[in-house]
Amino acid sequence: MRNESETYLKIQNGSEFVKIEILKQNFPNADLDWDKDSIRCKISAKFGSFSGEFNANLMTFSFDNFKRELIYLYENLEQSATFKGYEDQVKIFIQGDGIGHLDLFCDLKDNVGMGNELKGELNLDQTYLPDLIEQLDTITSEYKVHMKMNG
């Protein structure tokens, strides 16, 4: 089994990246599924000359939804996939052009609902998708999804 610090989603092109590292499950012994799905994450990103790092609480079902959307995008390259964190603190949107090129748009907020923002873009292609899907599969295997929610 991997160490918790090795469980992450990292989307990178050259020196630019966005990374969500899973630190811990917030409430592993909780009674409510919502609480069981809450995980503490370290978010880091670098776009051009700008970079940032902060911690955020995210939900396991967000990773599961993103994984399903990336699988669909890989099979239908003109589609899109969105990772949407709790309270829109972390948003990653990937749009395909139908011939294998992907544009990633990222919007990060260091605090829920307000605060400083870091926005960035990456250009990728469909060859990145299998690795991203595998990373998400690892996350959702190690941190079970108790609730199913869309979007």
N, C-alpha and C. Protein backbone atom coordinates (compact mmCIF):
# COMPACT_ATOMS: atom_id res chain seq x y z
N MET A 1 0.84 -1.19 0.00
CA MET A 1 0.00 0.00 0.00
C MET A 1 0.88 1.24 0.00
N ARG A 2 0.47 2.25 -0.71
CA ARG A 2 1.23 3.49 -0.81
C ARG A 2 1.08 4.31 0.46
N ASN A 3 2.07 5.12 0.74
CA ASN A 3 1.95 6.08 1.83
C ASN A 3 0.92 7.13 1.46
N GLU A 4 0.26 7.71 2.47
CA GLU A 4 -0.73 8.74 2.18
C GLU A 4 -0.13 9.88 1.36
N SER A 5 1.13 10.23 1.63
CA SER A 5 1.76 11.34 0.91
C SER A 5 2.00 10.99 -0.56
N GLU A 6 1.86 9.71 -0.92
CA GLU A 6 2.03 9.30 -2.30
C GLU A 6 0.71 9.20 -3.05
N THR A 7 -0.38 9.54 -2.38
CA THR A 7 -1.69 9.49 -3.01
C THR A 7 -2.05 10.90 -3.45
N TYR A 8 -2.10 11.08 -4.77
CA TYR A 8 -2.30 12.43 -5.29
C TYR A 8 -2.84 12.39 -6.71
N LEU A 9 -3.33 13.55 -7.13
CA LEU A 9 -3.66 13.81 -8.53
C LEU A 9 -2.75 14.94 -8.97
N LYS A 10 -1.93 14.69 -9.97
CA LYS A 10 -1.03 15.73 -10.48
C LYS A 10 -1.18 15.82 -11.98
N ILE A 11 -1.52 17.01 -12.43
CA ILE A 11 -1.63 17.28 -13.86
C ILE A 11 -0.51 18.26 -14.19
N GLN A 12 0.40 17.86 -15.06
CA GLN A 12 1.60 18.65 -15.30
C GLN A 12 1.95 18.66 -16.78
N ASN A 13 2.44 19.81 -17.22
CA ASN A 13 3.02 19.95 -18.54
C ASN A 13 4.25 20.83 -18.36
N GLY A 14 5.42 20.25 -18.54
CA GLY A 14 6.66 20.99 -18.29
C GLY A 14 6.78 21.33 -16.82
N SER A 15 7.08 22.59 -16.53
CA SER A 15 7.22 23.02 -15.13
C SER A 15 5.90 23.50 -14.53
N GLU A 16 4.85 23.55 -15.33
CA GLU A 16 3.55 24.02 -14.85
C GLU A 16 2.69 22.83 -14.42
N PHE A 17 1.98 22.99 -13.32
CA PHE A 17 1.20 21.88 -12.79
C PHE A 17 0.14 22.36 -11.80
N VAL A 18 -0.80 21.45 -11.53
CA VAL A 18 -1.70 21.55 -10.39
C VAL A 18 -1.67 20.16 -9.74
N LYS A 19 -1.54 20.15 -8.42
CA LYS A 19 -1.43 18.88 -7.69
C LYS A 19 -2.34 18.92 -6.47
N ILE A 20 -3.09 17.83 -6.29
CA ILE A 20 -3.92 17.65 -5.10
C ILE A 20 -3.38 16.41 -4.39
N GLU A 21 -2.75 16.62 -3.26
CA GLU A 21 -2.19 15.53 -2.46
C GLU A 21 -3.14 15.22 -1.31
N ILE A 22 -3.49 13.95 -1.17
CA ILE A 22 -4.39 13.54 -0.09
C ILE A 22 -3.56 13.40 1.19
N LEU A 23 -3.95 14.12 2.23
CA LEU A 23 -3.24 14.07 3.50
C LEU A 23 -3.87 13.07 4.47
N LYS A 24 -5.21 13.09 4.57
CA LYS A 24 -5.88 12.17 5.51
C LYS A 24 -7.38 12.21 5.30
N GLN A 25 -8.04 11.19 5.78
CA GLN A 25 -9.49 11.18 5.86
C GLN A 25 -9.85 11.93 7.14
N ASN A 26 -10.71 12.94 7.03
CA ASN A 26 -11.00 13.79 8.18
C ASN A 26 -11.73 13.08 9.31
N PHE A 27 -12.73 12.27 8.96
CA PHE A 27 -13.56 11.65 9.99
C PHE A 27 -13.78 10.16 9.66
N PRO A 28 -12.74 9.33 9.81
CA PRO A 28 -12.85 7.93 9.38
C PRO A 28 -13.89 7.12 10.16
N ASN A 29 -14.21 7.51 11.37
CA ASN A 29 -15.16 6.75 12.19
C ASN A 29 -16.52 7.43 12.29
N ALA A 30 -16.80 8.34 11.40
CA ALA A 30 -18.06 9.10 11.44
C ALA A 30 -19.25 8.20 11.13
N ASP A 31 -20.41 8.61 11.60
CA ASP A 31 -21.65 7.90 11.31
C ASP A 31 -22.25 8.32 9.96
N LEU A 32 -22.08 9.58 9.60
CA LEU A 32 -22.67 10.10 8.37
C LEU A 32 -21.73 9.90 7.18
N ASP A 33 -22.31 9.47 6.05
CA ASP A 33 -21.51 9.27 4.85
C ASP A 33 -20.82 10.56 4.40
N TRP A 34 -21.50 11.70 4.53
CA TRP A 34 -20.92 12.99 4.15
C TRP A 34 -19.60 13.20 4.88
N ASP A 35 -19.59 12.94 6.18
CA ASP A 35 -18.38 13.12 6.98
C ASP A 35 -17.30 12.11 6.59
N LYS A 36 -17.70 10.87 6.30
CA LYS A 36 -16.73 9.85 5.89
C LYS A 36 -16.05 10.23 4.58
N ASP A 37 -16.76 10.95 3.71
CA ASP A 37 -16.22 11.32 2.40
C ASP A 37 -15.29 12.54 2.45
N SER A 38 -15.20 13.19 3.58
CA SER A 38 -14.37 14.40 3.71
C SER A 38 -12.90 14.03 3.88
N ILE A 39 -12.05 14.59 3.02
CA ILE A 39 -10.62 14.33 3.11
C ILE A 39 -9.84 15.65 3.11
N ARG A 40 -8.74 15.66 3.84
CA ARG A 40 -7.87 16.82 3.93
C ARG A 40 -6.83 16.70 2.83
N CYS A 41 -6.64 17.78 2.07
CA CYS A 41 -5.74 17.76 0.92
C CYS A 41 -4.81 18.96 0.94
N LYS A 42 -3.66 18.78 0.35
CA LYS A 42 -2.73 19.89 0.11
C LYS A 42 -2.78 20.18 -1.38
N ILE A 43 -3.11 21.43 -1.70
CA ILE A 43 -3.21 21.85 -3.09
C ILE A 43 -1.97 22.68 -3.42
N SER A 44 -1.32 22.36 -4.51
CA SER A 44 -0.19 23.18 -4.96
C SER A 44 -0.30 23.35 -6.47
N ALA A 45 0.16 24.50 -6.93
CA ALA A 45 0.07 24.79 -8.36
C ALA A 45 1.14 25.78 -8.76
N LYS A 46 1.53 25.68 -10.03
CA LYS A 46 2.46 26.64 -10.63
C LYS A 46 2.01 26.85 -12.07
N PHE A 47 1.71 28.09 -12.39
CA PHE A 47 1.35 28.48 -13.75
C PHE A 47 2.19 29.70 -14.10
N GLY A 48 3.07 29.56 -15.07
CA GLY A 48 3.96 30.67 -15.42
C GLY A 48 4.82 31.04 -14.23
N SER A 49 4.86 32.33 -13.91
CA SER A 49 5.66 32.82 -12.79
C SER A 49 4.92 32.75 -11.46
N PHE A 50 3.66 32.33 -11.48
CA PHE A 50 2.83 32.33 -10.28
C PHE A 50 2.70 30.92 -9.71
N SER A 51 2.73 30.83 -8.39
CA SER A 51 2.55 29.54 -7.73
C SER A 51 1.89 29.76 -6.38
N GLY A 52 1.35 28.69 -5.84
CA GLY A 52 0.71 28.77 -4.54
C GLY A 52 0.51 27.39 -3.96
N GLU A 53 0.22 27.38 -2.64
CA GLU A 53 0.02 26.14 -1.92
C GLU A 53 -0.88 26.42 -0.73
N PHE A 54 -1.84 25.55 -0.49
CA PHE A 54 -2.74 25.70 0.64
C PHE A 54 -3.40 24.35 0.93
N ASN A 55 -4.02 24.23 2.09
CA ASN A 55 -4.77 23.03 2.44
C ASN A 55 -6.25 23.28 2.24
N ALA A 56 -6.98 22.23 1.88
CA ALA A 56 -8.42 22.33 1.66
C ALA A 56 -9.08 21.00 2.01
N ASN A 57 -10.32 21.08 2.42
CA ASN A 57 -11.13 19.87 2.61
C ASN A 57 -11.89 19.62 1.32
N LEU A 58 -11.73 18.42 0.78
CA LEU A 58 -12.43 18.02 -0.44
C LEU A 58 -13.21 16.75 -0.15
N MET A 59 -14.01 16.33 -1.10
CA MET A 59 -14.87 15.16 -0.92
C MET A 59 -14.46 14.05 -1.89
N THR A 60 -14.50 12.82 -1.41
CA THR A 60 -14.10 11.69 -2.25
C THR A 60 -14.94 11.59 -3.52
N PHE A 61 -16.23 11.92 -3.43
CA PHE A 61 -17.09 11.81 -4.61
C PHE A 61 -16.68 12.79 -5.71
N SER A 62 -16.00 13.89 -5.36
CA SER A 62 -15.50 14.81 -6.40
C SER A 62 -14.45 14.12 -7.26
N PHE A 63 -13.60 13.33 -6.63
CA PHE A 63 -12.58 12.58 -7.38
C PHE A 63 -13.23 11.49 -8.23
N ASP A 64 -14.24 10.83 -7.70
CA ASP A 64 -14.95 9.79 -8.43
C ASP A 64 -15.67 10.36 -9.65
N ASN A 65 -16.35 11.49 -9.47
CA ASN A 65 -17.03 12.14 -10.60
C ASN A 65 -16.04 12.54 -11.68
N PHE A 66 -14.90 13.12 -11.27
CA PHE A 66 -13.88 13.56 -12.22
C PHE A 66 -13.33 12.37 -12.99
N LYS A 67 -13.10 11.26 -12.29
CA LYS A 67 -12.59 10.05 -12.95
C LYS A 67 -13.57 9.58 -14.03
N ARG A 68 -14.87 9.52 -13.72
CA ARG A 68 -15.86 9.09 -14.69
C ARG A 68 -15.90 10.04 -15.90
N GLU A 69 -15.81 11.35 -15.62
CA GLU A 69 -15.83 12.32 -16.72
C GLU A 69 -14.57 12.23 -17.58
N LEU A 70 -13.41 11.96 -16.97
CA LEU A 70 -12.18 11.81 -17.76
C LEU A 70 -12.23 10.56 -18.63
N ILE A 71 -12.81 9.48 -18.12
CA ILE A 71 -12.97 8.26 -18.93
C ILE A 71 -13.84 8.57 -20.14
N TYR A 72 -14.94 9.28 -19.92
CA TYR A 72 -15.82 9.66 -21.03
C TYR A 72 -15.11 10.58 -22.02
N LEU A 73 -14.33 11.53 -21.50
CA LEU A 73 -13.56 12.43 -22.36
C LEU A 73 -12.55 11.65 -23.21
N TYR A 74 -11.90 10.66 -22.62
CA TYR A 74 -10.92 9.85 -23.35
C TYR A 74 -11.57 9.10 -24.51
N GLU A 75 -12.83 8.69 -24.32
CA GLU A 75 -13.57 7.97 -25.36
C GLU A 75 -14.25 8.92 -26.35
N ASN A 76 -14.45 10.18 -25.97
CA ASN A 76 -15.16 11.18 -26.77
C ASN A 76 -14.38 12.50 -26.67
N LEU A 77 -13.39 12.66 -27.48
CA LEU A 77 -12.39 13.73 -27.31
C LEU A 77 -12.91 15.15 -27.49
N GLU A 78 -14.16 15.30 -27.90
CA GLU A 78 -14.72 16.66 -28.01
C GLU A 78 -15.45 17.07 -26.73
N GLN A 79 -15.48 16.19 -25.73
CA GLN A 79 -16.21 16.45 -24.48
C GLN A 79 -15.32 17.20 -23.47
N SER A 80 -15.83 17.34 -22.25
CA SER A 80 -15.09 18.01 -21.19
C SER A 80 -15.21 17.23 -19.90
N ALA A 81 -14.38 17.58 -18.94
CA ALA A 81 -14.40 16.98 -17.61
C ALA A 81 -14.13 18.08 -16.60
N THR A 82 -14.81 17.99 -15.44
CA THR A 82 -14.67 19.03 -14.42
C THR A 82 -14.44 18.42 -13.05
N PHE A 83 -13.41 18.89 -12.36
CA PHE A 83 -13.24 18.60 -10.94
C PHE A 83 -13.74 19.83 -10.20
N LYS A 84 -14.69 19.61 -9.32
CA LYS A 84 -15.26 20.72 -8.57
C LYS A 84 -15.19 20.37 -7.09
N GLY A 85 -14.34 21.09 -6.38
CA GLY A 85 -14.20 20.85 -4.96
C GLY A 85 -15.31 21.49 -4.15
N TYR A 86 -15.34 21.14 -2.92
CA TYR A 86 -16.32 21.67 -1.98
C TYR A 86 -16.28 23.20 -1.97
N GLU A 87 -17.46 23.81 -2.10
CA GLU A 87 -17.58 25.28 -2.07
C GLU A 87 -16.76 25.97 -3.17
N ASP A 88 -16.50 25.27 -4.27
CA ASP A 88 -15.77 25.83 -5.41
C ASP A 88 -14.38 26.34 -5.06
N GLN A 89 -13.78 25.81 -4.02
CA GLN A 89 -12.43 26.24 -3.64
C GLN A 89 -11.39 25.74 -4.66
N VAL A 90 -11.67 24.60 -5.27
CA VAL A 90 -10.78 24.03 -6.28
C VAL A 90 -11.65 23.66 -7.49
N LYS A 91 -11.34 24.24 -8.64
CA LYS A 91 -12.03 23.89 -9.88
C LYS A 91 -10.99 23.63 -10.96
N ILE A 92 -11.14 22.50 -11.62
CA ILE A 92 -10.30 22.14 -12.75
C ILE A 92 -11.24 21.74 -13.88
N PHE A 93 -11.13 22.39 -15.01
CA PHE A 93 -11.98 22.13 -16.16
C PHE A 93 -11.08 21.76 -17.34
N ILE A 94 -11.36 20.62 -17.97
CA ILE A 94 -10.58 20.17 -19.14
C ILE A 94 -11.54 20.05 -20.31
N GLN A 95 -11.22 20.74 -21.40
CA GLN A 95 -12.04 20.73 -22.61
C GLN A 95 -11.25 20.11 -23.76
N GLY A 96 -11.87 19.13 -24.42
CA GLY A 96 -11.26 18.52 -25.59
C GLY A 96 -11.71 19.21 -26.86
N ASP A 97 -10.88 19.13 -27.92
CA ASP A 97 -11.23 19.76 -29.19
C ASP A 97 -11.69 18.76 -30.25
N GLY A 98 -11.77 17.49 -29.87
CA GLY A 98 -12.24 16.46 -30.79
C GLY A 98 -11.15 15.74 -31.54
N ILE A 99 -9.93 16.29 -31.55
CA ILE A 99 -8.82 15.64 -32.27
C ILE A 99 -7.64 15.33 -31.35
N GLY A 100 -7.87 15.39 -30.04
CA GLY A 100 -6.83 14.98 -29.10
C GLY A 100 -6.18 16.07 -28.29
N HIS A 101 -6.42 17.33 -28.63
CA HIS A 101 -5.87 18.44 -27.84
C HIS A 101 -6.81 18.75 -26.67
N LEU A 102 -6.21 19.03 -25.51
CA LEU A 102 -6.99 19.34 -24.32
C LEU A 102 -6.52 20.65 -23.72
N ASP A 103 -7.46 21.49 -23.33
CA ASP A 103 -7.15 22.73 -22.63
C ASP A 103 -7.65 22.61 -21.20
N LEU A 104 -6.76 22.85 -20.25
CA LEU A 104 -7.10 22.80 -18.83
C LEU A 104 -7.17 24.22 -18.28
N PHE A 105 -8.23 24.50 -17.56
CA PHE A 105 -8.41 25.77 -16.87
C PHE A 105 -8.57 25.46 -15.39
N CYS A 106 -7.81 26.14 -14.57
CA CYS A 106 -7.79 25.86 -13.14
C CYS A 106 -8.07 27.15 -12.38
N ASP A 107 -8.91 27.06 -11.35
CA ASP A 107 -9.25 28.19 -10.49
C ASP A 107 -9.15 27.71 -9.05
N LEU A 108 -8.22 28.28 -8.30
CA LEU A 108 -7.97 27.89 -6.91
C LEU A 108 -8.19 29.08 -5.99
N LYS A 109 -8.82 28.83 -4.85
CA LYS A 109 -9.02 29.86 -3.83
C LYS A 109 -8.44 29.35 -2.52
N ASP A 110 -7.64 30.18 -1.86
CA ASP A 110 -7.00 29.72 -0.63
C ASP A 110 -7.95 29.64 0.56
N ASN A 111 -9.14 30.23 0.46
CA ASN A 111 -10.16 30.13 1.50
C ASN A 111 -11.51 29.89 0.85
N VAL A 112 -12.38 29.19 1.55
CA VAL A 112 -13.72 28.89 1.03
C VAL A 112 -14.50 30.19 0.86
N GLY A 113 -15.06 30.38 -0.35
CA GLY A 113 -15.97 31.48 -0.59
C GLY A 113 -15.34 32.84 -0.81
N MET A 114 -14.08 33.01 -0.49
CA MET A 114 -13.42 34.31 -0.66
C MET A 114 -11.92 34.11 -0.59
N GLY A 115 -11.19 35.18 -0.57
CA GLY A 115 -9.75 35.05 -0.44
C GLY A 115 -9.02 35.24 -1.74
N ASN A 116 -7.78 34.85 -1.73
CA ASN A 116 -6.91 35.01 -2.89
C ASN A 116 -7.16 33.91 -3.90
N GLU A 117 -6.94 34.22 -5.17
CA GLU A 117 -7.16 33.26 -6.24
C GLU A 117 -5.91 33.09 -7.08
N LEU A 118 -5.74 31.87 -7.55
CA LEU A 118 -4.71 31.57 -8.53
C LEU A 118 -5.41 30.87 -9.68
N LYS A 119 -5.32 31.46 -10.86
CA LYS A 119 -5.93 30.88 -12.05
C LYS A 119 -4.81 30.53 -13.03
N GLY A 120 -4.99 29.42 -13.71
CA GLY A 120 -3.98 29.04 -14.68
C GLY A 120 -4.55 28.16 -15.77
N GLU A 121 -3.75 27.98 -16.81
CA GLU A 121 -4.13 27.17 -17.96
C GLU A 121 -2.97 26.27 -18.35
N LEU A 122 -3.30 25.07 -18.81
CA LEU A 122 -2.32 24.14 -19.35
C LEU A 122 -2.84 23.60 -20.68
N ASN A 123 -1.94 23.34 -21.60
CA ASN A 123 -2.28 22.66 -22.84
C ASN A 123 -1.76 21.24 -22.73
N LEU A 124 -2.66 20.28 -22.97
CA LEU A 124 -2.34 18.86 -22.86
C LEU A 124 -2.82 18.15 -24.12
N ASP A 125 -2.67 16.84 -24.12
CA ASP A 125 -3.31 16.03 -25.15
C ASP A 125 -3.83 14.75 -24.53
N GLN A 126 -4.53 13.95 -25.31
CA GLN A 126 -5.21 12.79 -24.75
C GLN A 126 -4.28 11.75 -24.14
N THR A 127 -2.99 11.80 -24.45
CA THR A 127 -2.06 10.83 -23.88
C THR A 127 -1.88 11.02 -22.37
N TYR A 128 -2.28 12.16 -21.84
CA TYR A 128 -2.20 12.41 -20.39
C TYR A 128 -3.32 11.69 -19.64
N LEU A 129 -4.43 11.41 -20.31
CA LEU A 129 -5.63 10.94 -19.62
C LEU A 129 -5.49 9.59 -18.93
N PRO A 130 -4.88 8.55 -19.52
CA PRO A 130 -4.79 7.28 -18.80
C PRO A 130 -4.07 7.39 -17.45
N ASP A 131 -3.02 8.18 -17.37
CA ASP A 131 -2.30 8.35 -16.10
C ASP A 131 -3.17 9.09 -15.08
N LEU A 132 -3.89 10.11 -15.52
CA LEU A 132 -4.78 10.84 -14.61
C LEU A 132 -5.89 9.92 -14.09
N ILE A 133 -6.45 9.11 -14.97
CA ILE A 133 -7.50 8.17 -14.56
C ILE A 133 -6.94 7.17 -13.56
N GLU A 134 -5.72 6.69 -13.78
CA GLU A 134 -5.07 5.76 -12.85
C GLU A 134 -4.84 6.42 -11.48
N GLN A 135 -4.39 7.67 -11.48
CA GLN A 135 -4.20 8.38 -10.21
C GLN A 135 -5.52 8.51 -9.46
N LEU A 136 -6.59 8.84 -10.17
CA LEU A 136 -7.91 8.97 -9.56
C LEU A 136 -8.43 7.63 -9.07
N ASP A 137 -8.13 6.57 -9.80
CA ASP A 137 -8.53 5.23 -9.37
C ASP A 137 -7.84 4.88 -8.05
N THR A 138 -6.58 5.24 -7.92
CA THR A 138 -5.86 5.00 -6.66
C THR A 138 -6.50 5.77 -5.51
N ILE A 139 -6.84 7.02 -5.75
CA ILE A 139 -7.47 7.84 -4.71
C ILE A 139 -8.79 7.23 -4.28
N THR A 140 -9.64 6.87 -5.25
CA THR A 140 -10.97 6.37 -4.90
C THR A 140 -10.93 4.93 -4.37
N SER A 141 -9.82 4.23 -4.59
CA SER A 141 -9.65 2.90 -3.98
C SER A 141 -9.21 3.02 -2.53
N GLU A 142 -8.32 3.96 -2.27
CA GLU A 142 -7.79 4.13 -0.92
C GLU A 142 -8.72 4.93 -0.02
N TYR A 143 -9.51 5.83 -0.62
CA TYR A 143 -10.45 6.67 0.13
C TYR A 143 -11.83 6.43 -0.47
N LYS A 144 -12.55 5.51 0.14
CA LYS A 144 -13.83 5.05 -0.40
C LYS A 144 -14.84 6.19 -0.54
N VAL A 145 -15.66 6.06 -1.56
CA VAL A 145 -16.74 6.99 -1.81
C VAL A 145 -18.00 6.41 -1.18
N HIS A 146 -18.56 7.11 -0.22
CA HIS A 146 -19.75 6.62 0.48
C HIS A 146 -21.03 7.22 -0.09
N MET A 147 -20.93 8.42 -0.64
CA MET A 147 -22.10 9.10 -1.23
C MET A 147 -21.86 9.25 -2.73
N LYS A 148 -22.90 9.16 -3.50
CA LYS A 148 -22.80 9.43 -4.92
C LYS A 148 -23.46 10.77 -5.18
N MET A 149 -22.68 11.73 -5.68
CA MET A 149 -23.22 13.04 -6.01
C MET A 149 -22.66 13.44 -7.35
N ASN A 150 -23.45 14.12 -8.13
CA ASN A 150 -23.00 14.62 -9.42
C ASN A 150 -22.67 16.10 -9.31
N GLY A 151 -21.61 16.49 -10.07
CA GLY A 151 -21.27 17.91 -10.17
C GLY A 151 -20.74 18.55 -8.99
